[in-house]
N, C-alpha and C. Protein backbone atom coordinates (compact mmCIF):
# COMPACT_ATOMS: atom_id res chain seq x y z
N UNK A 1 0.84 -1.17 0.00
CA UNK A 1 0.00 0.00 0.00
C UNK A 1 0.89 1.24 0.00
N UNK A 2 0.63 2.13 -0.94
CA UNK A 2 1.39 3.37 -1.00
C UNK A 2 0.97 4.32 0.11
N UNK A 3 1.95 5.08 0.59
CA UNK A 3 1.66 6.11 1.57
C UNK A 3 1.05 7.32 0.88
N UNK A 4 0.45 8.19 1.68
CA UNK A 4 -0.20 9.39 1.15
C UNK A 4 0.24 10.60 1.97
N UNK A 5 0.59 11.67 1.25
CA UNK A 5 0.85 12.97 1.86
C UNK A 5 -0.15 13.95 1.28
N UNK A 6 -0.80 14.71 2.13
CA UNK A 6 -1.65 15.82 1.71
C UNK A 6 -0.86 17.08 2.05
N UNK A 7 -0.58 17.91 1.06
CA UNK A 7 0.26 19.11 1.28
C UNK A 7 -0.46 20.34 0.76
N UNK A 8 -0.50 21.38 1.59
CA UNK A 8 -1.25 22.57 1.19
C UNK A 8 -0.69 23.84 1.80
N UNK A 9 -1.16 24.94 1.24
CA UNK A 9 -0.99 26.25 1.85
C UNK A 9 -2.10 26.35 2.90
N UNK A 10 -1.77 26.89 4.06
CA UNK A 10 -2.78 26.97 5.12
C UNK A 10 -3.17 25.58 5.59
N UNK A 11 -4.30 25.49 6.23
CA UNK A 11 -4.70 24.24 6.87
C UNK A 11 -5.63 23.38 6.01
N UNK A 12 -5.63 23.61 4.71
CA UNK A 12 -6.47 22.82 3.82
C UNK A 12 -6.18 21.33 3.95
N UNK A 13 -4.91 20.94 3.98
CA UNK A 13 -4.54 19.53 4.07
C UNK A 13 -5.05 18.91 5.37
N UNK A 14 -4.92 19.62 6.48
CA UNK A 14 -5.43 19.10 7.76
C UNK A 14 -6.93 18.97 7.73
N UNK A 15 -7.62 19.95 7.14
CA UNK A 15 -9.07 19.89 7.04
C UNK A 15 -9.52 18.74 6.15
N UNK A 16 -8.81 18.52 5.05
CA UNK A 16 -9.15 17.43 4.15
C UNK A 16 -8.95 16.09 4.87
N UNK A 17 -7.86 15.95 5.60
CA UNK A 17 -7.62 14.71 6.34
C UNK A 17 -8.71 14.49 7.38
N UNK A 18 -9.11 15.54 8.06
CA UNK A 18 -10.16 15.45 9.06
C UNK A 18 -11.48 14.97 8.40
N UNK A 19 -11.79 15.51 7.24
CA UNK A 19 -13.00 15.12 6.51
C UNK A 19 -12.90 13.69 6.00
N UNK A 20 -11.73 13.29 5.51
CA UNK A 20 -11.54 11.92 5.04
C UNK A 20 -11.84 10.91 6.14
N UNK A 21 -11.52 11.25 7.36
CA UNK A 21 -11.74 10.34 8.48
C UNK A 21 -13.23 10.09 8.71
N UNK A 22 -14.08 11.03 8.35
CA UNK A 22 -15.53 10.83 8.45
C UNK A 22 -15.98 9.71 7.52
N UNK A 23 -15.39 9.66 6.33
CA UNK A 23 -15.79 8.69 5.32
C UNK A 23 -14.99 7.40 5.37
N UNK A 24 -13.73 7.48 5.75
CA UNK A 24 -12.83 6.33 5.63
C UNK A 24 -12.25 5.85 6.96
N UNK A 25 -12.76 6.34 8.06
CA UNK A 25 -12.19 5.95 9.35
C UNK A 25 -10.81 6.56 9.52
N UNK A 26 -9.90 5.79 10.06
CA UNK A 26 -8.53 6.23 10.26
C UNK A 26 -7.64 5.61 9.19
N UNK A 27 -7.50 6.26 8.04
CA UNK A 27 -6.67 5.66 6.99
C UNK A 27 -5.23 5.52 7.43
N UNK A 28 -4.60 4.45 6.98
CA UNK A 28 -3.21 4.17 7.34
C UNK A 28 -2.24 4.92 6.44
N UNK A 29 -1.07 5.19 6.98
CA UNK A 29 0.04 5.75 6.20
C UNK A 29 -0.35 7.01 5.45
N UNK A 30 -0.93 7.95 6.17
CA UNK A 30 -1.31 9.23 5.58
C UNK A 30 -0.95 10.34 6.56
N UNK A 31 -0.41 11.43 6.01
CA UNK A 31 -0.09 12.60 6.82
C UNK A 31 -0.46 13.86 6.06
N UNK A 32 -0.81 14.88 6.81
CA UNK A 32 -1.09 16.20 6.25
C UNK A 32 0.02 17.15 6.69
N UNK A 33 0.53 17.92 5.73
CA UNK A 33 1.51 18.95 6.08
C UNK A 33 1.03 20.27 5.51
N UNK A 34 1.14 21.30 6.33
CA UNK A 34 0.58 22.60 5.98
C UNK A 34 1.66 23.67 6.01
N UNK A 35 1.71 24.45 4.95
CA UNK A 35 2.62 25.59 4.86
C UNK A 35 1.86 26.82 5.34
N UNK A 36 2.29 27.36 6.45
CA UNK A 36 1.61 28.51 7.03
C UNK A 36 2.36 29.80 6.67
N UNK A 37 1.65 30.93 6.71
CA UNK A 37 2.30 32.20 6.41
C UNK A 37 3.53 32.40 7.28
N UNK A 38 4.63 32.78 6.67
CA UNK A 38 5.87 33.01 7.40
C UNK A 38 6.75 31.78 7.53
N UNK A 39 6.22 30.60 7.17
CA UNK A 39 7.04 29.38 7.22
C UNK A 39 8.16 29.46 6.19
N UNK A 40 9.27 28.88 6.55
CA UNK A 40 10.44 28.83 5.68
C UNK A 40 10.32 27.65 4.72
N UNK A 41 10.61 27.88 3.44
CA UNK A 41 10.50 26.82 2.44
C UNK A 41 11.44 25.66 2.75
N UNK A 42 12.64 25.94 3.22
CA UNK A 42 13.59 24.87 3.55
C UNK A 42 13.06 24.00 4.69
N UNK A 43 12.42 24.63 5.67
CA UNK A 43 11.84 23.87 6.78
C UNK A 43 10.65 23.03 6.29
N UNK A 44 9.87 23.59 5.39
CA UNK A 44 8.74 22.84 4.84
C UNK A 44 9.25 21.63 4.04
N UNK A 45 10.31 21.83 3.28
CA UNK A 45 10.91 20.73 2.52
C UNK A 45 11.38 19.63 3.47
N UNK A 46 12.00 20.00 4.57
CA UNK A 46 12.43 19.02 5.57
C UNK A 46 11.23 18.28 6.15
N UNK A 47 10.15 19.02 6.41
CA UNK A 47 8.92 18.40 6.92
C UNK A 47 8.35 17.41 5.91
N UNK A 48 8.39 17.78 4.64
CA UNK A 48 7.86 16.91 3.59
C UNK A 48 8.70 15.64 3.49
N UNK A 49 10.02 15.78 3.50
CA UNK A 49 10.89 14.59 3.44
C UNK A 49 10.60 13.67 4.60
N UNK A 50 10.46 14.22 5.79
CA UNK A 50 10.18 13.43 6.98
C UNK A 50 8.83 12.71 6.87
N UNK A 51 7.83 13.41 6.38
CA UNK A 51 6.50 12.81 6.22
C UNK A 51 6.53 11.68 5.19
N UNK A 52 7.27 11.88 4.10
CA UNK A 52 7.39 10.83 3.09
C UNK A 52 8.02 9.59 3.70
N UNK A 53 9.08 9.78 4.47
CA UNK A 53 9.72 8.65 5.14
C UNK A 53 8.76 7.95 6.10
N UNK A 54 7.93 8.73 6.80
CA UNK A 54 6.98 8.16 7.77
C UNK A 54 5.92 7.29 7.13
N UNK A 55 5.44 7.66 5.95
CA UNK A 55 4.31 6.94 5.35
C UNK A 55 4.73 5.91 4.30
N UNK A 56 5.99 5.94 3.88
CA UNK A 56 6.44 5.01 2.83
C UNK A 56 6.66 3.62 3.41
N UNK A 57 5.88 2.68 2.93
CA UNK A 57 6.00 1.29 3.38
C UNK A 57 6.93 0.49 2.46
N UNK A 58 7.54 1.18 1.51
CA UNK A 58 8.40 0.51 0.53
C UNK A 58 7.74 0.41 -0.84
N UNK A 59 6.47 0.78 -0.91
CA UNK A 59 5.73 0.71 -2.18
C UNK A 59 5.60 2.08 -2.84
N UNK A 60 6.11 3.11 -2.19
CA UNK A 60 6.04 4.45 -2.76
C UNK A 60 5.05 5.33 -2.02
N UNK A 61 4.96 6.56 -2.51
CA UNK A 61 4.12 7.58 -1.86
C UNK A 61 3.43 8.40 -2.94
N UNK A 62 2.17 8.74 -2.69
CA UNK A 62 1.45 9.69 -3.53
C UNK A 62 1.32 10.97 -2.73
N UNK A 63 1.79 12.07 -3.30
CA UNK A 63 1.69 13.38 -2.67
C UNK A 63 0.61 14.16 -3.40
N UNK A 64 -0.45 14.51 -2.67
CA UNK A 64 -1.51 15.34 -3.20
C UNK A 64 -1.23 16.77 -2.76
N UNK A 65 -1.08 17.68 -3.72
CA UNK A 65 -0.81 19.09 -3.43
C UNK A 65 -2.01 19.93 -3.83
N UNK A 66 -2.15 21.07 -3.17
CA UNK A 66 -3.29 21.93 -3.45
C UNK A 66 -3.16 22.69 -4.77
N UNK A 67 -1.97 23.10 -5.14
CA UNK A 67 -1.82 24.04 -6.24
C UNK A 67 -0.57 23.76 -7.07
N UNK A 68 -0.75 23.67 -8.36
CA UNK A 68 0.38 23.48 -9.27
C UNK A 68 1.35 24.65 -9.13
N UNK A 69 2.61 24.36 -8.94
CA UNK A 69 3.71 25.30 -8.80
C UNK A 69 3.66 26.15 -7.54
N UNK A 70 2.79 25.79 -6.59
CA UNK A 70 2.84 26.40 -5.27
C UNK A 70 4.00 25.77 -4.49
N UNK A 71 4.33 26.32 -3.35
CA UNK A 71 5.46 25.82 -2.57
C UNK A 71 5.35 24.32 -2.24
N UNK A 72 4.19 23.80 -1.81
CA UNK A 72 4.14 22.35 -1.56
C UNK A 72 4.48 21.52 -2.80
N UNK A 73 4.00 21.93 -3.95
CA UNK A 73 4.32 21.24 -5.21
C UNK A 73 5.79 21.41 -5.54
N UNK A 74 6.30 22.60 -5.41
CA UNK A 74 7.71 22.84 -5.73
C UNK A 74 8.65 22.07 -4.81
N UNK A 75 8.27 21.92 -3.54
CA UNK A 75 9.10 21.12 -2.62
C UNK A 75 9.08 19.66 -3.05
N UNK A 76 7.94 19.18 -3.54
CA UNK A 76 7.88 17.81 -4.06
C UNK A 76 8.84 17.66 -5.23
N UNK A 77 8.86 18.66 -6.10
CA UNK A 77 9.79 18.63 -7.24
C UNK A 77 11.23 18.65 -6.79
N UNK A 78 11.52 19.36 -5.72
CA UNK A 78 12.89 19.39 -5.20
C UNK A 78 13.31 18.01 -4.71
N UNK A 79 12.37 17.26 -4.18
CA UNK A 79 12.68 15.91 -3.70
C UNK A 79 13.03 14.99 -4.88
N UNK A 80 12.48 15.28 -6.05
CA UNK A 80 12.78 14.47 -7.24
C UNK A 80 14.26 14.45 -7.58
N UNK A 81 15.01 15.42 -7.08
CA UNK A 81 16.45 15.47 -7.36
C UNK A 81 17.20 14.33 -6.70
N UNK A 82 16.58 13.70 -5.68
CA UNK A 82 17.21 12.55 -5.03
C UNK A 82 17.09 11.35 -5.96
N UNK A 83 18.13 10.57 -6.03
CA UNK A 83 18.16 9.42 -6.93
C UNK A 83 16.99 8.48 -6.64
N UNK A 84 16.23 8.14 -7.68
CA UNK A 84 15.13 7.20 -7.58
C UNK A 84 13.82 7.79 -7.07
N UNK A 85 13.85 9.01 -6.58
CA UNK A 85 12.65 9.60 -5.98
C UNK A 85 11.51 9.74 -6.99
N UNK A 86 11.83 10.14 -8.22
CA UNK A 86 10.76 10.36 -9.20
C UNK A 86 10.04 9.06 -9.55
N UNK A 87 10.69 7.93 -9.34
CA UNK A 87 10.06 6.64 -9.59
C UNK A 87 9.30 6.13 -8.36
N UNK A 88 9.54 6.72 -7.21
CA UNK A 88 8.93 6.27 -5.96
C UNK A 88 7.83 7.20 -5.46
N UNK A 89 7.83 8.44 -5.96
CA UNK A 89 6.88 9.44 -5.47
C UNK A 89 6.05 9.96 -6.64
N UNK A 90 4.73 9.88 -6.51
CA UNK A 90 3.80 10.42 -7.51
C UNK A 90 3.22 11.70 -6.93
N UNK A 91 3.32 12.81 -7.64
CA UNK A 91 2.78 14.09 -7.17
C UNK A 91 1.60 14.46 -8.05
N UNK A 92 0.48 14.75 -7.41
CA UNK A 92 -0.73 15.15 -8.12
C UNK A 92 -1.21 16.46 -7.50
N UNK A 93 -1.46 17.45 -8.34
CA UNK A 93 -1.88 18.76 -7.84
C UNK A 93 -3.38 18.95 -8.06
N UNK A 94 -3.91 19.97 -7.38
CA UNK A 94 -5.35 20.25 -7.48
C UNK A 94 -6.17 19.30 -6.63
N UNK A 95 -5.60 18.84 -5.52
CA UNK A 95 -6.28 17.82 -4.72
C UNK A 95 -7.68 18.27 -4.31
N UNK A 96 -8.57 17.29 -4.29
CA UNK A 96 -9.91 17.53 -3.78
C UNK A 96 -10.41 16.27 -3.09
N UNK A 97 -11.50 16.39 -2.36
CA UNK A 97 -12.01 15.28 -1.58
C UNK A 97 -12.34 14.06 -2.43
N UNK A 98 -13.04 14.19 -3.57
CA UNK A 98 -13.36 12.98 -4.34
C UNK A 98 -12.12 12.18 -4.76
N UNK A 99 -11.08 12.86 -5.23
CA UNK A 99 -9.90 12.12 -5.71
C UNK A 99 -9.17 11.41 -4.58
N UNK A 100 -9.02 12.08 -3.45
CA UNK A 100 -8.29 11.46 -2.36
C UNK A 100 -9.12 10.34 -1.73
N UNK A 101 -10.42 10.55 -1.57
CA UNK A 101 -11.29 9.52 -1.01
C UNK A 101 -11.31 8.28 -1.89
N UNK A 102 -11.42 8.46 -3.18
CA UNK A 102 -11.41 7.32 -4.11
C UNK A 102 -10.07 6.59 -4.05
N UNK A 103 -8.99 7.36 -3.97
CA UNK A 103 -7.67 6.74 -3.91
C UNK A 103 -7.52 5.92 -2.63
N UNK A 104 -7.95 6.46 -1.51
CA UNK A 104 -7.86 5.73 -0.25
C UNK A 104 -8.66 4.43 -0.33
N UNK A 105 -9.82 4.49 -0.96
CA UNK A 105 -10.66 3.31 -1.07
C UNK A 105 -10.11 2.24 -1.98
N UNK A 106 -9.20 2.61 -2.86
CA UNK A 106 -8.69 1.62 -3.83
C UNK A 106 -7.18 1.61 -3.93
N UNK A 107 -6.47 2.14 -2.95
CA UNK A 107 -5.03 2.26 -3.13
C UNK A 107 -4.31 0.93 -3.18
N UNK A 108 -4.95 -0.14 -2.72
CA UNK A 108 -4.31 -1.45 -2.90
C UNK A 108 -4.38 -1.88 -4.36
N UNK A 109 -5.27 -1.23 -5.14
CA UNK A 109 -5.42 -1.53 -6.56
C UNK A 109 -4.48 -0.70 -7.43
N UNK A 110 -3.69 0.17 -6.82
CA UNK A 110 -2.73 1.00 -7.55
C UNK A 110 -3.38 1.82 -8.67
N UNK A 111 -4.28 2.71 -8.31
CA UNK A 111 -4.88 3.61 -9.30
C UNK A 111 -3.77 4.39 -10.01
N UNK A 112 -3.91 4.58 -11.29
CA UNK A 112 -2.94 5.38 -12.03
C UNK A 112 -3.17 6.86 -11.76
N UNK A 113 -2.17 7.66 -12.06
CA UNK A 113 -2.30 9.10 -11.88
C UNK A 113 -3.46 9.63 -12.73
N UNK A 114 -3.62 9.14 -13.95
CA UNK A 114 -4.70 9.63 -14.80
C UNK A 114 -6.07 9.25 -14.23
N UNK A 115 -6.18 8.08 -13.59
CA UNK A 115 -7.44 7.68 -12.96
C UNK A 115 -7.75 8.59 -11.76
N UNK A 116 -6.72 8.91 -10.98
CA UNK A 116 -6.91 9.79 -9.83
C UNK A 116 -7.37 11.17 -10.30
N UNK A 117 -6.72 11.70 -11.31
CA UNK A 117 -7.06 13.01 -11.84
C UNK A 117 -8.46 13.01 -12.42
N UNK A 118 -8.82 11.97 -13.14
CA UNK A 118 -10.16 11.85 -13.72
C UNK A 118 -11.23 11.85 -12.62
N UNK A 119 -10.97 11.15 -11.55
CA UNK A 119 -11.92 11.12 -10.43
C UNK A 119 -12.09 12.52 -9.86
N UNK A 120 -10.98 13.23 -9.69
CA UNK A 120 -11.05 14.60 -9.18
C UNK A 120 -11.84 15.51 -10.09
N UNK A 121 -11.62 15.39 -11.39
CA UNK A 121 -12.33 16.21 -12.36
C UNK A 121 -13.82 15.89 -12.38
N UNK A 122 -14.15 14.59 -12.29
CA UNK A 122 -15.55 14.18 -12.31
C UNK A 122 -16.31 14.63 -11.07
N UNK A 123 -15.58 14.96 -10.01
CA UNK A 123 -16.21 15.46 -8.80
C UNK A 123 -16.57 16.94 -8.87
N UNK A 124 -16.19 17.59 -9.96
CA UNK A 124 -16.49 19.01 -10.14
C UNK A 124 -17.70 19.12 -11.08
N UNK A 125 -18.82 19.55 -10.53
CA UNK A 125 -20.09 19.54 -11.27
C UNK A 125 -20.84 20.85 -11.00
N UNK A 126 -21.48 21.38 -12.03
CA UNK A 126 -22.40 22.51 -11.87
C UNK A 126 -23.71 21.91 -11.38
N UNK A 127 -23.92 21.91 -10.06
CA UNK A 127 -25.07 21.23 -9.49
C UNK A 127 -26.38 21.89 -9.91
N UNK A 128 -26.39 23.22 -10.10
CA UNK A 128 -27.62 23.89 -10.58
C UNK A 128 -28.04 23.32 -11.92
N UNK A 129 -27.08 23.20 -12.83
CA UNK A 129 -27.36 22.67 -14.16
C UNK A 129 -27.85 21.22 -14.06
N UNK A 130 -27.18 20.41 -13.27
CA UNK A 130 -27.57 19.02 -13.09
C UNK A 130 -28.98 18.92 -12.51
N UNK A 131 -29.27 19.73 -11.52
CA UNK A 131 -30.59 19.73 -10.89
C UNK A 131 -31.67 20.09 -11.90
N UNK A 132 -31.42 21.15 -12.69
CA UNK A 132 -32.40 21.57 -13.68
C UNK A 132 -32.62 20.49 -14.74
N UNK A 133 -31.54 19.85 -15.18
CA UNK A 133 -31.67 18.79 -16.18
C UNK A 133 -32.49 17.62 -15.65
N UNK A 134 -32.35 17.31 -14.39
CA UNK A 134 -33.08 16.19 -13.82
C UNK A 134 -34.53 16.52 -13.50
N UNK A 135 -34.86 17.81 -13.49
CA UNK A 135 -36.24 18.23 -13.25
C UNK A 135 -37.07 18.17 -14.54
N UNK A 136 -36.38 18.13 -15.66
CA UNK A 136 -37.08 18.13 -16.97
C UNK A 136 -37.69 16.80 -17.29
């Protein structure tokens, strides 16, 4: 089973983890790390490396980041400079509850990055439009 890191600006990652627990109980090998205003990027990178080590069972780690090219994503990219890291760590940006929840539910099945992204995209719906279409 791959480990999971939720990484965000502010407390989004902690909030997402808290919400995941409502649906999935206490998922194993998952940590949330939050970059707060005034935090040092080097310290955040150290925190990320430590979290990856904590959740990696030897099968790799999926890092869900809030924003493409934000500091959490960029720190993930910095970790890729370590030999073999890019083959052991999958980074996916734009994290949302549907994608992470689906991944937790099937992570023993090794969902591909494109499947995870597709799940996240499919969770974004104009509910007003859907509601109106179903009323017709």
